[in-house]
Amino acid sequence: MPQTPNSSINPANPRIVNSATSRSFPNGNPALGYNRAGVRNTDSAVPLHPAEPVVHDYTSDGPAPGSISFRWAYGSNVAAKNRDPRVQVVQYNEDTFVMRENVCVHWEAPFTYLLFGNKGALLIDSGATSNAKYYPLREMVDALITRWGQARGRAKVPLTIALTSGEDVAQNQGLSQFAGRPDTTIVPPPLALMKRHYGLAGSWPSGTGAIDLGDRVIDAIPTPGTHKDGVSFYDPYCDFLFTGDLLFPGRINISNEGDYVASLERLQAFAASHSVKWVMGGHIDMMFLPGKHYPRFATYKPYERVLEMEPELIAEALQYAREARGQKIMLIRPDFILFNGISPDQRTGVWPEGVPRINPPHPF
């Protein structure tokens, strides 16, 4: 007789269901039917010719499964000779896409994220280049939306575009490509209008806003500190926390130390009450070696660190942000570097205690 796994609620986090071996189920209880009536959970289960729009069940007992085991294109010494795609796309799962601007188009190589729900899609950030000839972001987004909609029997998929910062030129330039696009809502970049859009005009930076994609509701969390209009986004389906410039594997330029510490405290409290699998930032500057990073304007980065960051790094960033208050200082950590009141080109001859000092391999 087949055995049915016993499950129990994890008291530390009621959203996570534990198996008898205390391992959380990645996307629902395996003792239950994989596809309930009218529900399709993966591309492989989507009918070839759906008679009606396919509805996805975004209820999950843990982070939805997906894969980002992929090496990002790392550019060229001579940018003009680079032949990599202008927009690199990785499909994390059937409803979540990660895109990156070619580092030879813009040295910051920002990431953008496309999330789908039952009623629409969300594009987080828009990259560093407005010229679609060099950075065809809208063309790529349109193609992904069309493909996704066709597979699910949806002729129309409304798009919302939201920025982690409207004043960050490495994340707002591609916005102009979407001007006049049908069925598109752009969260207004000016701070006052953005606050009003999220319903935070009277509470900023406290409170949270929401973007409902249809059974997949994305939280918008005010996080000023590197930019006065900073916003982070939380996806409860993949358990991703999208933090833009606030926390990423690279050179973090603190513009307001009080706001920065308060925002990290806010994120730490949020992560304590929500399941966070990874923190997903807006860039990668760090190498895979502790504390080592690429200089600004580098277009060849063969030894990059991975994009995703463990949620425990929120506490580490908070610890050192508190230490940096009141000082003009550069603080090197294995996974990021904090710059407070100094140039992002600042160098230091003092290597921090506790961070292994390993020289990178000679570039090939």
Protein backbone atom coordinates (compact mmCIF):
# COMPACT_ATOMS: atom_id res chain seq x y z
CA MET A 1 0.00 0.00 0.00
CA PRO A 2 1.52 3.37 -0.97
CA GLN A 3 2.69 5.54 1.86
CA THR A 4 1.33 9.08 2.18
CA PRO A 5 3.88 11.56 3.53
CA ASN A 6 2.92 13.18 6.78
CA SER A 7 3.03 16.96 6.75
CA SER A 8 3.04 19.56 9.46
CA ILE A 9 3.14 23.32 9.70
CA ASN A 10 6.52 24.83 10.45
CA PRO A 11 5.89 26.98 13.58
CA ALA A 12 8.75 29.31 12.65
CA ASN A 13 7.05 30.13 9.38
CA PRO A 14 3.42 29.04 8.91
CA ARG A 15 3.74 29.45 5.13
CA ILE A 16 6.12 26.49 4.94
CA VAL A 17 4.81 22.94 5.18
CA ASN A 18 7.30 20.36 6.42
CA SER A 19 7.56 16.74 5.40
CA ALA A 20 8.21 13.92 7.84
CA THR A 21 11.91 14.55 7.25
CA SER A 22 11.50 18.30 8.02
CA ARG A 23 12.25 19.26 4.43
CA SER A 24 9.86 21.84 2.99
CA PHE A 25 8.00 20.97 -0.18
CA PRO A 26 9.23 23.25 -2.97
CA ASN A 27 5.86 23.75 -4.65
CA GLY A 28 3.00 22.14 -2.80
CA ASN A 29 2.40 18.92 -0.95
CA PRO A 30 3.39 15.92 -3.12
CA ALA A 31 0.66 13.86 -1.44
CA LEU A 32 -1.91 16.02 -3.22
CA GLY A 33 -2.84 15.85 -6.88
CA TYR A 34 -0.30 17.69 -9.00
CA ASN A 35 -2.88 19.44 -11.14
CA ARG A 36 -6.24 20.08 -9.60
CA ALA A 37 -9.22 20.52 -11.93
CA GLY A 38 -8.78 23.57 -14.15
CA VAL A 39 -5.25 24.26 -12.91
CA ARG A 40 -2.05 23.95 -14.91
CA ASN A 41 1.24 24.30 -13.07
CA THR A 42 3.94 24.01 -15.74
CA ASP A 43 4.43 24.52 -19.45
CA SER A 44 4.47 20.76 -19.90
CA ALA A 45 0.92 20.60 -18.54
CA VAL A 46 -0.47 23.43 -20.69
CA PRO A 47 -2.72 22.07 -23.46
CA LEU A 48 -1.41 22.53 -26.99
CA HIS A 49 -4.58 24.31 -28.12
CA PRO A 50 -6.33 25.67 -25.00
CA ALA A 51 -10.05 26.18 -25.47
CA GLU A 52 -10.06 28.84 -22.76
CA PRO A 53 -7.42 30.83 -20.88
CA VAL A 54 -5.24 28.58 -18.74
CA VAL A 55 -5.30 29.41 -15.03
CA HIS A 56 -2.17 28.88 -12.95
CA ASP A 57 -2.29 28.05 -9.26
CA TYR A 58 0.20 30.38 -7.56
CA THR A 59 -0.47 28.94 -4.12
CA SER A 60 2.75 27.35 -2.97
CA ASP A 61 3.89 25.85 0.33
CA GLY A 62 7.41 27.08 -0.36
CA PRO A 63 9.34 28.85 -3.11
CA ALA A 64 8.23 27.82 -6.58
CA PRO A 65 10.91 25.70 -8.25
CA GLY A 66 13.15 27.23 -10.85
CA SER A 67 16.71 27.38 -12.07
CA ILE A 68 19.19 30.16 -12.63
CA SER A 69 22.19 27.85 -13.02
CA PHE A 70 23.54 29.80 -15.92
CA ARG A 71 26.64 31.84 -16.66
CA TRP A 72 25.94 35.37 -17.76
CA ALA A 73 27.67 36.69 -20.87
CA TYR A 74 30.73 38.49 -19.54
CA GLY A 75 31.56 40.94 -22.32
CA SER A 76 34.70 41.66 -24.31
CA ASN A 77 37.90 43.66 -23.93
CA VAL A 78 36.93 45.49 -27.11
CA ALA A 79 33.25 46.29 -26.68
CA ALA A 80 32.72 47.15 -30.36
CA LYS A 81 33.65 43.59 -31.35
CA ASN A 82 31.27 41.88 -28.94
CA ARG A 83 28.72 39.59 -30.59
CA ASP A 84 26.72 38.42 -27.57
CA PRO A 85 22.94 39.04 -27.48
CA ARG A 86 22.03 42.61 -26.59
CA VAL A 87 19.50 41.25 -24.08
CA GLN A 88 20.28 37.94 -22.41
CA VAL A 89 17.24 36.03 -21.11
CA VAL A 90 17.05 33.23 -18.57
CA GLN A 91 13.71 31.56 -17.86
CA TYR A 92 13.74 30.84 -14.13
CA ASN A 93 10.42 29.04 -14.37
CA GLU A 94 7.35 29.16 -16.60
CA ASP A 95 6.19 32.51 -15.17
CA THR A 96 9.46 34.21 -14.20
CA PHE A 97 12.16 35.58 -16.51
CA VAL A 98 15.49 37.25 -15.71
CA MET A 99 17.00 39.55 -18.34
CA ARG A 100 20.32 41.32 -18.49
CA GLU A 101 21.63 44.13 -20.67
CA ASN A 102 24.83 43.29 -22.53
CA VAL A 103 27.83 44.63 -20.57
CA CYS A 104 29.31 45.95 -23.83
CA VAL A 105 26.17 48.02 -24.45
CA HIS A 106 26.37 49.50 -20.95
CA TRP A 107 29.08 48.66 -18.45
CA GLU A 108 26.66 48.35 -15.51
CA ALA A 109 24.84 45.50 -17.31
CA PRO A 110 21.63 45.96 -15.28
CA PHE A 111 19.12 43.19 -14.68
CA THR A 112 15.41 43.42 -15.36
CA TYR A 113 12.75 40.94 -14.28
CA LEU A 114 9.52 39.86 -16.00
CA LEU A 115 6.87 38.17 -13.85
CA PHE A 116 3.52 36.76 -15.01
CA GLY A 117 0.24 36.22 -13.20
CA ASN A 118 -3.25 35.19 -14.27
CA LYS A 119 -4.25 38.76 -15.13
CA GLY A 120 -1.06 40.40 -16.35
CA ALA A 121 2.70 40.80 -16.28
CA LEU A 122 5.15 42.98 -14.36
CA LEU A 123 8.47 44.31 -15.66
CA ILE A 124 10.78 45.39 -12.84
CA ASP A 125 13.25 48.05 -14.08
CA SER A 126 14.07 48.97 -17.66
CA GLY A 127 17.84 49.02 -18.08
CA ALA A 128 20.42 51.68 -18.86
CA THR A 129 19.92 52.35 -22.59
CA SER A 130 17.02 54.07 -24.31
CA ASN A 131 18.07 53.32 -27.90
CA ALA A 132 16.23 50.15 -28.95
CA LYS A 133 18.75 49.54 -31.71
CA TYR A 134 21.44 48.83 -29.13
CA TYR A 135 19.21 47.53 -26.35
CA PRO A 136 15.95 46.05 -27.73
CA LEU A 137 14.26 45.56 -24.36
CA ARG A 138 10.72 46.22 -25.56
CA GLU A 139 11.15 43.86 -28.50
CA MET A 140 12.28 41.11 -26.12
CA VAL A 141 9.51 41.78 -23.60
CA ASP A 142 6.88 41.81 -26.35
CA ALA A 143 8.18 38.49 -27.68
CA LEU A 144 8.12 36.86 -24.23
CA ILE A 145 4.61 38.14 -23.51
CA THR A 146 3.35 36.94 -26.90
CA ARG A 147 4.84 33.49 -26.41
CA TRP A 148 3.50 33.23 -22.86
CA GLY A 149 0.05 34.41 -23.91
CA GLN A 150 -0.19 32.02 -26.85
CA ALA A 151 0.69 29.03 -24.65
CA ARG A 152 -2.05 29.98 -22.21
CA GLY A 153 -4.78 31.03 -24.62
CA ARG A 154 -4.57 34.71 -23.76
CA ALA A 155 -4.79 37.23 -26.58
CA LYS A 156 -4.19 40.16 -24.24
CA VAL A 157 -1.70 40.31 -21.36
CA PRO A 158 -1.64 43.75 -19.66
CA LEU A 159 1.83 44.91 -18.65
CA THR A 160 2.84 46.96 -15.61
CA ILE A 161 6.30 48.53 -15.46
CA ALA A 162 7.73 49.48 -12.07
CA LEU A 163 11.19 50.77 -11.17
CA THR A 164 13.34 50.11 -8.12
CA SER A 165 14.33 53.77 -8.56
CA GLY A 166 13.07 56.35 -11.00
CA GLU A 167 16.20 58.45 -10.54
CA ASP A 168 18.65 55.60 -11.23
CA VAL A 169 19.90 56.15 -14.78
CA ALA A 170 21.06 52.53 -14.94
CA GLN A 171 17.47 51.34 -14.48
CA ASN A 172 15.17 53.95 -16.01
CA GLN A 173 16.48 54.62 -19.51
CA GLY A 174 14.63 51.81 -21.28
CA LEU A 175 11.31 53.18 -20.05
CA SER A 176 11.02 55.41 -23.12
CA GLN A 177 10.81 52.34 -25.36
CA PHE A 178 7.39 51.55 -23.86
CA ALA A 179 5.85 54.98 -24.44
CA GLY A 180 2.50 54.53 -26.14
CA ARG A 181 2.50 50.75 -25.79
CA PRO A 182 -1.09 49.42 -25.58
CA ASP A 183 -2.33 47.73 -22.40
CA THR A 184 0.61 49.11 -20.43
CA THR A 185 0.67 50.83 -17.05
CA ILE A 186 3.89 52.61 -16.09
CA VAL A 187 4.28 53.43 -12.41
CA PRO A 188 5.14 57.15 -12.61
CA PRO A 189 8.80 57.80 -11.71
CA PRO A 190 8.38 61.18 -9.93
CA LEU A 191 8.48 60.46 -6.20
CA ALA A 192 5.19 62.16 -5.28
CA LEU A 193 3.28 60.41 -8.07
CA MET A 194 4.91 57.08 -7.31
CA LYS A 195 3.91 57.31 -3.64
CA ARG A 196 0.33 58.05 -4.66
CA HIS A 197 0.29 55.13 -7.11
CA TYR A 198 1.22 52.67 -4.35
CA GLY A 199 -1.12 54.31 -1.83
CA LEU A 200 1.81 55.46 0.31
CA ALA A 201 1.47 59.23 0.03
CA GLY A 202 0.72 59.61 3.74
CA SER A 203 2.92 56.85 5.13
CA TRP A 204 6.15 56.79 3.10
CA PRO A 205 8.58 55.20 3.84
CA SER A 206 6.41 53.05 6.09
CA GLY A 207 3.81 50.65 4.77
CA THR A 208 3.78 48.57 1.60
CA GLY A 209 2.07 48.87 -1.74
CA ALA A 210 0.88 46.05 -3.97
CA ILE A 211 0.83 45.10 -7.65
CA ASP A 212 -1.77 42.40 -8.34
CA LEU A 213 -0.87 40.28 -11.37
CA GLY A 214 -3.78 37.93 -10.81
CA ASP A 215 -3.32 35.49 -7.91
CA ARG A 216 0.31 36.61 -7.72
CA VAL A 217 0.48 39.80 -5.67
CA ILE A 218 3.83 41.60 -5.59
CA ASP A 219 4.63 43.71 -2.51
CA ALA A 220 6.22 47.13 -3.04
CA ILE A 221 8.41 48.08 -0.06
CA PRO A 222 9.80 51.62 0.29
CA THR A 223 13.60 51.37 0.61
CA PRO A 224 15.27 54.76 0.13
CA GLY A 225 18.94 55.11 1.00
CA THR A 226 20.88 54.74 -2.22
CA HIS A 227 18.13 56.71 -3.98
CA LYS A 228 15.47 58.82 -2.31
CA ASP A 229 12.73 57.01 -4.26
CA GLY A 230 14.05 53.47 -3.76
CA VAL A 231 11.54 50.61 -3.81
CA SER A 232 12.10 46.88 -3.33
CA PHE A 233 9.66 44.24 -4.54
CA TYR A 234 8.74 40.89 -3.01
CA ASP A 235 7.33 37.97 -5.00
CA PRO A 236 5.61 35.43 -2.71
CA TYR A 237 5.54 32.82 -5.49
CA CYS A 238 9.29 32.47 -6.07
CA ASP A 239 10.12 34.05 -2.68
CA PHE A 240 12.39 36.57 -4.38
CA LEU A 241 13.20 39.99 -2.92
CA PHE A 242 14.14 42.40 -5.72
CA THR A 243 16.29 45.16 -4.23
CA GLY A 244 17.76 47.11 -7.16
CA ASP A 245 20.66 49.28 -5.97
CA LEU A 246 19.90 48.92 -2.27
CA LEU A 247 21.58 45.54 -1.88
CA PHE A 248 23.38 43.74 -4.69
CA PRO A 249 26.75 42.04 -5.21
CA GLY A 250 28.71 45.16 -5.98
CA ARG A 251 29.62 48.72 -5.04
CA ILE A 252 26.73 50.12 -3.01
CA ASN A 253 26.77 53.91 -2.92
CA ILE A 254 24.94 55.19 0.16
CA SER A 255 23.37 58.58 -0.51
CA ASN A 256 21.55 58.97 2.82
CA GLU A 257 22.95 56.87 5.64
CA GLY A 258 19.93 57.29 7.90
CA ASP A 259 17.52 56.19 5.19
CA TYR A 260 19.81 53.34 4.18
CA VAL A 261 19.99 51.87 7.68
CA ALA A 262 16.23 52.30 8.17
CA SER A 263 15.51 50.58 4.84
CA LEU A 264 17.70 47.60 5.71
CA GLU A 265 15.97 47.38 9.09
CA ARG A 266 12.65 47.40 7.26
CA LEU A 267 13.80 44.64 4.90
CA GLN A 268 15.17 42.59 7.78
CA ALA A 269 11.82 42.77 9.57
CA PHE A 270 10.00 41.91 6.35
CA ALA A 271 12.24 38.90 5.69
CA ALA A 272 11.69 37.68 9.25
CA SER A 273 7.96 37.38 8.58
CA HIS A 274 8.13 36.23 4.95
CA SER A 275 9.93 33.39 3.25
CA VAL A 276 12.84 34.80 1.21
CA LYS A 277 14.81 32.40 -0.95
CA TRP A 278 17.10 34.92 -2.65
CA VAL A 279 17.78 38.62 -2.75
CA MET A 280 17.95 39.66 -6.40
CA GLY A 281 19.77 42.93 -7.03
CA GLY A 282 20.09 45.17 -10.04
CA HIS A 283 23.74 44.60 -10.99
CA ILE A 284 26.85 42.51 -10.42
CA ASP A 285 30.18 44.25 -9.72
CA MET A 286 31.81 41.62 -7.51
CA MET A 287 34.09 38.82 -8.62
CA PHE A 288 33.67 35.30 -7.30
CA LEU A 289 36.58 36.07 -4.96
CA PRO A 290 35.74 37.61 -1.55
CA GLY A 291 35.84 41.40 -1.59
CA LYS A 292 37.18 41.70 -5.13
CA HIS A 293 35.24 43.77 -7.64
CA TYR A 294 35.48 45.08 -11.18
CA PRO A 295 36.17 48.79 -11.65
CA ARG A 296 33.59 51.09 -13.13
CA PHE A 297 33.33 51.11 -16.94
CA ALA A 298 34.78 47.58 -17.27
CA THR A 299 33.23 45.73 -20.21
CA TYR A 300 35.01 42.42 -19.67
CA LYS A 301 34.05 40.52 -16.51
CA PRO A 302 34.92 36.84 -16.84
CA TYR A 303 35.04 36.13 -13.10
CA GLU A 304 31.75 37.55 -11.88
CA ARG A 305 30.00 36.49 -8.71
CA VAL A 306 26.54 34.96 -9.12
CA LEU A 307 23.56 37.32 -9.08
CA GLU A 308 21.50 35.76 -6.30
CA MET A 309 22.29 36.62 -2.67
CA GLU A 310 21.32 34.75 0.49
CA PRO A 311 18.80 36.62 2.67
CA GLU A 312 21.25 36.47 5.60
CA LEU A 313 23.26 39.15 3.79
CA ILE A 314 20.57 41.68 4.72
CA ALA A 315 21.71 41.44 8.34
CA GLU A 316 25.36 41.69 7.33
CA ALA A 317 24.70 44.79 5.23
CA LEU A 318 22.76 46.32 8.11
CA GLN A 319 25.59 45.63 10.57
CA TYR A 320 28.18 47.39 8.43
CA ALA A 321 25.84 50.19 7.37
CA ARG A 322 25.43 51.03 11.06
CA GLU A 323 29.21 50.96 11.44
CA ALA A 324 29.61 53.33 8.48
CA ARG A 325 27.29 56.00 9.91
CA GLY A 326 28.99 59.32 10.49
CA GLN A 327 32.11 58.30 8.56
CA LYS A 328 33.43 58.82 5.07
CA ILE A 329 34.40 55.24 4.53
CA MET A 330 34.71 52.28 2.19
CA LEU A 331 33.76 48.99 3.83
CA ILE A 332 34.75 45.83 1.97
CA ARG A 333 32.76 42.67 2.60
CA PRO A 334 33.01 39.35 0.75
CA ASP A 335 29.78 39.89 -1.23
CA PHE A 336 29.45 43.68 -1.46
CA ILE A 337 31.24 46.95 -0.75
CA LEU A 338 29.68 49.94 1.01
CA PHE A 339 30.69 53.48 0.03
CA ASN A 340 29.51 56.18 2.42
CA GLY A 341 30.27 59.79 1.55
CA ILE A 342 33.14 58.95 -0.82
CA SER A 343 33.65 58.33 -4.51
CA PRO A 344 32.75 54.87 -5.88
CA ASP A 345 36.23 54.91 -7.42
CA GLN A 346 37.83 55.12 -3.98
CA ARG A 347 40.52 52.56 -3.21
CA THR A 348 41.94 51.39 0.08
CA GLY A 349 45.28 49.92 1.04
CA VAL A 350 43.81 48.37 4.18
CA TRP A 351 42.28 44.94 3.64
CA PRO A 352 39.53 44.13 6.16
CA GLU A 353 40.18 41.52 8.79
CA GLY A 354 38.23 38.32 8.27
CA VAL A 355 37.91 38.68 4.48
CA PRO A 356 40.22 36.25 2.65
CA ARG A 357 42.54 38.07 0.26
CA ILE A 358 42.82 36.02 -2.91
CA ASN A 359 44.12 37.41 -6.17
CA PRO A 360 41.95 36.67 -9.21
CA PRO A 361 43.28 34.49 -12.02
CA HIS A 362 44.96 36.22 -14.92
CA PRO A 363 42.24 37.21 -17.41
CA PHE A 364 42.10 34.90 -20.37
